[in-house]
Amino acid sequence: MTATVEFDPSLLDTRCIVDVRTPLEYAEDRLPGAVNVPLLTNEERVEIGTLHKQEGPLRARRRGLELTAARFPAIVEEIAAHAAGREIVIYCWRGGLRSRTVTDILDLTGFPAVQLKGGYRAFRNIVAAFFNDFITPVPLVVLHGMTGTGKTTFLKELEERGSSVIDLEGLAQHRGSAFGEVGISQDIPQKRFETLLWEAFRRLPPGNPVFLEGESRRIGDIFLPGNLYDRMQDGILVWCEASLETRVRRLMDDYGREEYRDELRSALNRIIKRLGGEKHRELNGYLDEWLMEPFMRELMTSYYDRLYYKTRSWTEHLRLSLEDYGEAAGELERFLASALPYPCGKASS
């Protein structure tokens, strides 16, 4: 009888986790740290699924054996190499035939392995439940502020000083604005983002405040899962400030590369209705001449500053200058040391 195990987060730290689903399934999402040793190719899974529907499960199983039997030795060797002596946990989509087959073959050849009960679907249910009823035992410290203030860089400064940081935009592969995909590509599936976010929270040391950047419910094409957005609204709210000159300089550092010219123009064309034709032509002209200082200045004053945080129904707990990241980090640390535990208010961006 196939040995099985219920999912527990501790498995991720102590076992070799092997995903025997197809490469396409693995690419969409997988358990943290899992390696992919597929039993079937993408095309073979489609073929087996079609046979199962048209001719029944027995015919599908026989065809599956025909396709995979010759690969069993190579599969065993590959998994054993990944395991390097660790105990092995095998999973497929829902803890069915694929993972049971590989688990049994490993056991028969002297490599102790267990099958994950419920497979990936069981893990996915745990991730969804974590965010649907998201409760954090520590305060969430949420950084808000105008575009170009330097919030993302400030988060890195805090992380380097030993603070617990969740980089939502980094995980989502998007900077969270109309120009948020310039220089990067948001090709991460929603499920993958949620798993990475779940793992980021799991790995945080207990007891420390968690620092995040204030976001809307959506970052590009990715949505904040469950009620995380609402819990962020209940957090300790920090309003970050910097002069217009500093913001222009920081945006130029982030976006002012000539290889981004076409992407900047495409992003600019997507907001033409908000800018108006005349302002759009002016900004396009700056791009043509590669005049980044006036381009960034006008982009902020004519677009970002009018669109984002135009109205706020909340009052920050701390107003913080980010002109100097080191000084800001010290001020924030002193504030939190005196303020926690803190009666958190509500915000809505």
Protein backbone atom coordinates (compact mmCIF):
# COMPACT_ATOMS: atom_id res chain seq x y z
CA MET A 1 0.00 0.00 0.00
CA THR A 2 1.34 3.43 -0.96
CA ALA A 3 2.62 5.45 2.00
CA THR A 4 1.01 8.90 2.22
CA VAL A 5 1.48 12.10 4.21
CA GLU A 6 -0.72 15.11 4.88
CA PHE A 7 0.71 18.46 3.86
CA ASP A 8 2.51 20.37 6.59
CA PRO A 9 4.73 23.41 5.95
CA SER A 10 7.60 21.70 7.78
CA LEU A 11 7.84 19.25 4.88
CA LEU A 12 9.15 22.07 2.69
CA ASP A 13 12.17 22.49 4.95
CA THR A 14 13.03 18.85 5.59
CA ARG A 15 12.04 16.74 2.55
CA CYS A 16 12.80 16.57 -1.14
CA ILE A 17 9.53 17.67 -2.74
CA VAL A 18 8.99 16.27 -6.24
CA ASP A 19 6.29 17.47 -8.63
CA VAL A 20 5.53 14.77 -11.21
CA ARG A 21 3.00 16.87 -13.13
CA THR A 22 3.67 18.17 -16.61
CA PRO A 23 6.02 21.12 -17.21
CA LEU A 24 3.01 23.35 -18.00
CA GLU A 25 1.32 22.52 -14.71
CA TYR A 26 4.57 23.07 -12.85
CA ALA A 27 5.13 26.44 -14.54
CA GLU A 28 1.71 27.72 -13.47
CA ASP A 29 2.47 27.00 -9.83
CA ARG A 30 4.07 24.44 -7.53
CA LEU A 31 4.95 23.85 -3.91
CA PRO A 32 7.87 26.03 -2.74
CA GLY A 33 11.18 24.35 -3.50
CA ALA A 34 9.63 21.52 -5.51
CA VAL A 35 11.59 20.03 -8.41
CA ASN A 36 9.80 18.92 -11.56
CA VAL A 37 10.32 15.33 -12.70
CA PRO A 38 7.30 14.87 -14.97
CA LEU A 39 5.81 11.44 -15.53
CA LEU A 40 4.03 12.65 -18.69
CA THR A 41 4.84 15.37 -21.19
CA ASN A 42 2.34 18.16 -21.83
CA GLU A 43 1.18 16.47 -25.03
CA GLU A 44 0.92 13.02 -23.44
CA ARG A 45 -1.29 14.33 -20.66
CA VAL A 46 -3.69 15.71 -23.26
CA GLU A 47 -3.69 12.36 -25.07
CA ILE A 48 -4.36 10.42 -21.86
CA GLY A 49 -7.14 12.80 -20.86
CA THR A 50 -8.81 12.40 -24.23
CA LEU A 51 -8.57 8.60 -24.04
CA HIS A 52 -10.04 8.65 -20.53
CA LYS A 53 -13.07 10.57 -21.75
CA GLN A 54 -13.58 8.63 -24.97
CA GLU A 55 -12.61 5.05 -24.06
CA GLY A 56 -12.55 4.94 -20.26
CA PRO A 57 -9.97 4.77 -17.46
CA LEU A 58 -8.55 1.31 -18.20
CA ARG A 59 -7.58 2.20 -21.76
CA ALA A 60 -6.08 5.46 -20.54
CA ARG A 61 -4.01 3.65 -17.89
CA ARG A 62 -2.69 1.12 -20.37
CA ARG A 63 -1.66 3.87 -22.74
CA GLY A 64 -0.02 5.70 -19.88
CA LEU A 65 2.04 2.61 -19.08
CA GLU A 66 3.06 2.28 -22.73
CA LEU A 67 4.28 5.88 -22.75
CA THR A 68 6.13 5.91 -19.45
CA ALA A 69 7.42 2.43 -18.56
CA ALA A 70 10.72 2.84 -20.39
CA ARG A 71 11.39 6.08 -18.45
CA PHE A 72 11.05 4.63 -14.97
CA PRO A 73 14.78 3.99 -14.41
CA ALA A 74 15.71 7.52 -15.50
CA ILE A 75 12.93 9.01 -13.34
CA VAL A 76 14.18 7.10 -10.29
CA GLU A 77 17.77 8.18 -10.86
CA GLU A 78 16.82 11.84 -11.34
CA ILE A 79 14.71 11.94 -8.20
CA ALA A 80 17.38 10.16 -6.18
CA ALA A 81 19.95 12.71 -7.32
CA HIS A 82 17.70 15.59 -6.24
CA ALA A 83 16.95 13.92 -2.90
CA ALA A 84 20.62 13.44 -1.99
CA GLY A 85 19.64 11.22 0.93
CA ARG A 86 16.62 13.24 2.07
CA GLU A 87 13.20 11.65 2.44
CA ILE A 88 11.08 12.11 -0.68
CA VAL A 89 7.54 13.48 -1.02
CA ILE A 90 5.84 12.99 -4.39
CA TYR A 91 2.80 14.91 -5.57
CA CYS A 92 0.66 15.38 -8.66
CA TRP A 93 -2.52 17.38 -9.24
CA ARG A 94 -4.75 15.74 -6.63
CA GLY A 95 -2.83 12.82 -5.17
CA GLY A 96 -3.88 10.36 -7.86
CA LEU A 97 -2.34 7.81 -10.16
CA ARG A 98 0.69 9.79 -11.32
CA SER A 99 2.14 10.43 -7.88
CA ARG A 100 1.13 6.98 -6.61
CA THR A 101 2.92 5.31 -9.52
CA VAL A 102 6.17 7.19 -8.98
CA THR A 103 6.02 6.72 -5.20
CA ASP A 104 5.58 2.96 -5.57
CA ILE A 105 8.40 2.67 -8.11
CA LEU A 106 10.76 4.59 -5.82
CA ASP A 107 9.83 2.38 -2.90
CA LEU A 108 10.34 -0.79 -4.95
CA THR A 109 13.82 0.36 -5.94
CA GLY A 110 14.93 1.15 -2.41
CA PHE A 111 14.25 4.89 -2.18
CA PRO A 112 11.74 5.57 0.62
CA ALA A 113 9.07 7.94 -0.62
CA VAL A 114 5.61 9.07 0.40
CA GLN A 115 2.73 10.44 -1.65
CA LEU A 116 1.25 13.80 -0.70
CA LYS A 117 -2.42 13.36 0.14
CA GLY A 118 -4.59 15.51 -2.08
CA GLY A 119 -1.59 16.59 -4.15
CA TYR A 120 -1.12 20.15 -5.33
CA ARG A 121 -4.84 20.83 -4.89
CA ALA A 122 -4.59 20.24 -1.13
CA PHE A 123 -1.68 22.68 -0.89
CA ARG A 124 -3.54 25.21 -3.02
CA ASN A 125 -6.52 25.05 -0.64
CA ILE A 126 -4.21 25.86 2.27
CA VAL A 127 -2.78 28.91 0.47
CA ALA A 128 -6.26 30.17 -0.45
CA ALA A 129 -7.52 29.70 3.12
CA PHE A 130 -4.48 31.55 4.52
CA PHE A 131 -5.35 34.70 2.59
CA ASN A 132 -9.13 34.39 2.71
CA ASP A 133 -8.97 34.58 6.48
CA PHE A 134 -5.71 36.51 6.69
CA ILE A 135 -4.77 37.34 10.26
CA THR A 136 -1.35 38.57 11.21
CA PRO A 137 -0.16 38.38 14.82
CA VAL A 138 2.21 41.32 14.18
CA PRO A 139 1.49 44.83 12.89
CA LEU A 140 1.63 45.54 9.18
CA VAL A 141 3.50 48.79 8.56
CA VAL A 142 2.31 50.12 5.20
CA LEU A 143 4.28 52.75 3.28
CA HIS A 144 2.22 55.14 1.16
CA GLY A 145 3.37 58.12 -0.85
CA MET A 146 3.52 59.74 -4.27
CA THR A 147 5.26 58.08 -7.22
CA GLY A 148 9.02 58.55 -7.19
CA THR A 149 9.25 58.98 -3.43
CA GLY A 150 11.49 55.91 -3.22
CA LYS A 151 9.32 53.54 -1.21
CA THR A 152 10.66 50.38 -2.87
CA THR A 153 14.27 51.40 -2.31
CA PHE A 154 13.42 52.33 1.27
CA LEU A 155 11.98 48.85 1.82
CA LYS A 156 15.33 47.41 0.71
CA GLU A 157 17.07 49.71 3.19
CA LEU A 158 14.82 48.43 5.97
CA GLU A 159 15.46 44.82 4.94
CA GLU A 160 19.22 45.38 5.01
CA ARG A 161 18.82 46.69 8.55
CA GLY A 162 17.17 43.42 9.59
CA SER A 163 13.48 44.36 9.31
CA SER A 164 10.82 41.97 8.01
CA VAL A 165 9.85 43.12 4.52
CA ILE A 166 7.38 41.82 1.92
CA ASP A 167 8.07 43.24 -1.55
CA LEU A 168 4.65 42.94 -3.20
CA GLU A 169 5.73 44.61 -6.43
CA GLY A 170 8.83 42.45 -6.67
CA LEU A 171 6.77 39.28 -6.24
CA ALA A 172 4.17 40.52 -8.75
CA GLN A 173 6.88 41.54 -11.26
CA HIS A 174 5.25 44.93 -11.72
CA ARG A 175 5.75 48.41 -10.23
CA GLY A 176 2.05 48.94 -9.79
CA SER A 177 1.39 51.85 -12.18
CA ALA A 178 0.76 52.64 -15.86
CA PHE A 179 4.54 52.50 -16.36
CA GLY A 180 4.95 49.55 -14.00
CA GLU A 181 6.05 47.06 -16.65
CA VAL A 182 8.75 49.20 -18.24
CA GLY A 183 11.98 47.23 -18.16
CA ILE A 184 10.32 44.13 -16.71
CA SER A 185 7.74 41.62 -17.86
CA GLN A 186 4.83 40.52 -15.73
CA ASP A 187 4.49 36.93 -16.83
CA ILE A 188 3.75 35.43 -13.43
CA PRO A 189 0.42 33.55 -13.03
CA GLN A 190 -1.91 34.60 -10.21
CA LYS A 191 -1.53 31.25 -8.42
CA ARG A 192 2.25 31.50 -8.55
CA PHE A 193 2.17 34.99 -7.03
CA GLU A 194 -0.03 33.76 -4.21
CA THR A 195 2.27 30.83 -3.44
CA LEU A 196 5.35 33.08 -3.42
CA LEU A 197 3.53 35.53 -1.14
CA TRP A 198 2.42 32.72 1.19
CA GLU A 199 6.01 31.48 1.35
CA ALA A 200 7.31 34.99 2.02
CA PHE A 201 4.98 35.35 5.01
CA ARG A 202 5.85 31.83 6.20
CA ARG A 203 9.56 32.60 6.29
CA LEU A 204 9.27 35.83 8.29
CA PRO A 205 10.68 35.61 11.81
CA PRO A 206 7.91 35.76 14.43
CA GLY A 207 7.18 38.86 16.44
CA ASN A 208 8.56 41.59 14.17
CA PRO A 209 6.42 44.20 12.38
CA VAL A 210 6.08 43.51 8.65
CA PHE A 211 6.82 46.36 6.23
CA LEU A 212 4.97 46.57 2.89
CA GLU A 213 4.32 49.18 0.25
CA GLY A 214 0.78 50.48 -0.01
CA GLU A 215 -0.91 49.08 -3.12
CA SER A 216 -4.34 49.03 -4.67
CA ARG A 217 -6.10 45.67 -4.86
CA ARG A 218 -4.38 45.08 -8.21
CA ILE A 219 -0.72 45.22 -9.21
CA GLY A 220 -0.72 45.12 -12.99
CA ASP A 221 -2.70 41.98 -13.81
CA ILE A 222 -2.14 40.45 -10.38
CA PHE A 223 -4.66 40.81 -7.54
CA LEU A 224 -3.88 40.84 -3.84
CA PRO A 225 -5.46 37.61 -2.56
CA GLY A 226 -8.20 37.20 -0.01
CA ASN A 227 -8.53 39.97 2.54
CA LEU A 228 -4.85 40.97 2.58
CA TYR A 229 -5.74 44.39 1.14
CA ASP A 230 -8.22 44.99 3.97
CA ARG A 231 -5.68 44.00 6.61
CA MET A 232 -3.19 46.41 5.05
CA GLN A 233 -5.79 49.14 5.39
CA ASP A 234 -5.92 48.38 9.10
CA GLY A 235 -2.15 48.60 9.48
CA ILE A 236 0.21 51.29 10.74
CA LEU A 237 0.07 53.86 7.94
CA VAL A 238 3.17 55.82 7.01
CA TRP A 239 3.02 58.71 4.54
CA CYS A 240 6.36 58.99 2.74
CA GLU A 241 7.48 62.31 1.25
CA ALA A 242 10.28 63.65 -0.93
CA SER A 243 10.76 66.85 -2.90
CA LEU A 244 9.72 66.99 -6.54
CA GLU A 245 13.39 67.31 -7.52
CA THR A 246 14.28 64.16 -5.60
CA ARG A 247 11.36 62.26 -7.10
CA VAL A 248 12.33 63.31 -10.63
CA ARG A 249 15.90 62.15 -10.04
CA ARG A 250 14.78 58.81 -8.66
CA LEU A 251 12.40 58.16 -11.55
CA MET A 252 15.18 59.01 -13.98
CA ASP A 253 17.39 56.46 -12.22
CA ASP A 254 14.66 53.80 -12.55
CA TYR A 255 13.35 54.54 -16.05
CA GLY A 256 15.85 56.84 -17.76
CA ARG A 257 17.50 54.27 -20.00
CA GLU A 258 17.36 54.67 -23.76
CA GLU A 259 16.60 50.99 -24.23
CA TYR A 260 13.30 51.73 -22.45
CA ARG A 261 12.27 54.42 -24.95
CA ASP A 262 9.75 52.27 -26.88
CA GLU A 263 8.25 50.85 -23.69
CA LEU A 264 7.91 54.34 -22.23
CA ARG A 265 6.16 55.49 -25.38
CA SER A 266 3.79 52.53 -25.32
CA ALA A 267 2.93 53.23 -21.68
CA LEU A 268 2.44 56.91 -22.49
CA ASN A 269 0.03 56.02 -25.30
CA ARG A 270 -2.06 53.97 -22.88
CA ILE A 271 -2.83 57.04 -20.76
CA ILE A 272 -3.49 59.51 -23.60
CA LYS A 273 -7.12 59.99 -22.52
CA ARG A 274 -6.10 61.00 -19.01
CA LEU A 275 -3.37 63.31 -20.25
CA GLY A 276 -5.24 64.95 -23.09
CA GLY A 277 -3.90 65.33 -26.59
CA GLU A 278 -1.81 68.45 -26.04
CA LYS A 279 -0.02 67.15 -22.94
CA HIS A 280 0.48 63.77 -24.62
CA ARG A 281 2.18 65.45 -27.58
CA GLU A 282 4.38 67.46 -25.23
CA LEU A 283 5.54 64.36 -23.38
CA ASN A 284 6.06 62.50 -26.65
CA GLY A 285 8.29 65.33 -27.77
CA TYR A 286 10.44 64.97 -24.66
CA LEU A 287 10.78 61.27 -25.44
CA ASP A 288 11.79 62.03 -29.03
CA GLU A 289 14.57 64.32 -27.79
CA TRP A 290 15.30 62.05 -24.82
CA LEU A 291 14.81 64.89 -22.35
CA MET A 292 14.19 62.81 -19.26
CA GLU A 293 14.12 65.56 -16.66
CA PRO A 294 11.16 67.48 -18.11
CA PHE A 295 9.51 64.21 -19.16
CA MET A 296 9.53 62.82 -15.63
CA ARG A 297 8.58 66.14 -14.06
CA GLU A 298 5.56 66.59 -16.33
CA LEU A 299 4.57 62.94 -15.97
CA MET A 300 4.32 63.37 -12.23
CA THR A 301 2.65 66.76 -12.10
CA SER A 302 0.24 66.10 -15.00
CA TYR A 303 -0.55 62.44 -14.35
CA TYR A 304 0.64 60.67 -11.22
CA ASP A 305 0.06 63.44 -8.68
CA ARG A 306 -3.40 64.13 -10.06
CA LEU A 307 -4.42 60.47 -10.18
CA TYR A 308 -2.90 58.79 -7.13
CA TYR A 309 -3.85 59.81 -3.59
CA LYS A 310 -5.91 62.67 -4.99
CA THR A 311 -8.13 62.20 -1.96
CA ARG A 312 -7.45 60.23 1.21
CA SER A 313 -10.10 59.21 3.69
CA TRP A 314 -7.46 58.31 6.25
CA THR A 315 -4.82 60.04 8.31
CA GLU A 316 -1.34 58.59 8.54
CA HIS A 317 0.18 57.56 11.84
CA LEU A 318 3.56 58.93 10.78
CA ARG A 319 4.70 61.41 8.13
CA LEU A 320 8.20 60.45 7.02
CA SER A 321 10.72 62.20 4.77
CA LEU A 322 12.59 59.84 2.44
CA GLU A 323 15.15 62.41 1.31
CA ASP A 324 17.75 60.33 3.18
CA TYR A 325 16.90 56.63 3.48
CA GLY A 326 19.19 56.01 6.45
CA GLU A 327 17.78 58.88 8.47
CA ALA A 328 14.24 57.81 7.54
CA ALA A 329 14.88 54.25 8.69
CA GLY A 330 16.15 55.49 12.03
CA GLU A 331 13.15 57.76 12.52
CA LEU A 332 10.72 54.98 11.63
CA GLU A 333 12.41 52.54 14.00
CA ARG A 334 12.23 55.06 16.85
CA PHE A 335 8.57 55.74 16.13
CA LEU A 336 7.66 52.07 16.18
CA ALA A 337 9.65 51.45 19.34
CA SER A 338 7.55 54.05 21.15
CA ALA A 339 4.23 53.41 19.41
CA LEU A 340 3.78 49.62 19.52
CA PRO A 341 1.32 48.21 20.31
CA TYR A 342 -0.46 50.79 18.18
CA PRO A 343 -4.18 51.45 17.60
CA CYS A 344 -4.23 51.11 13.83
CA GLY A 345 -6.63 53.09 11.66
CA LYS A 346 -8.13 52.49 8.26
CA ALA A 347 -7.03 53.63 4.84
CA SER A 348 -8.26 53.41 1.29
CA SER A 349 -6.04 54.33 -1.63
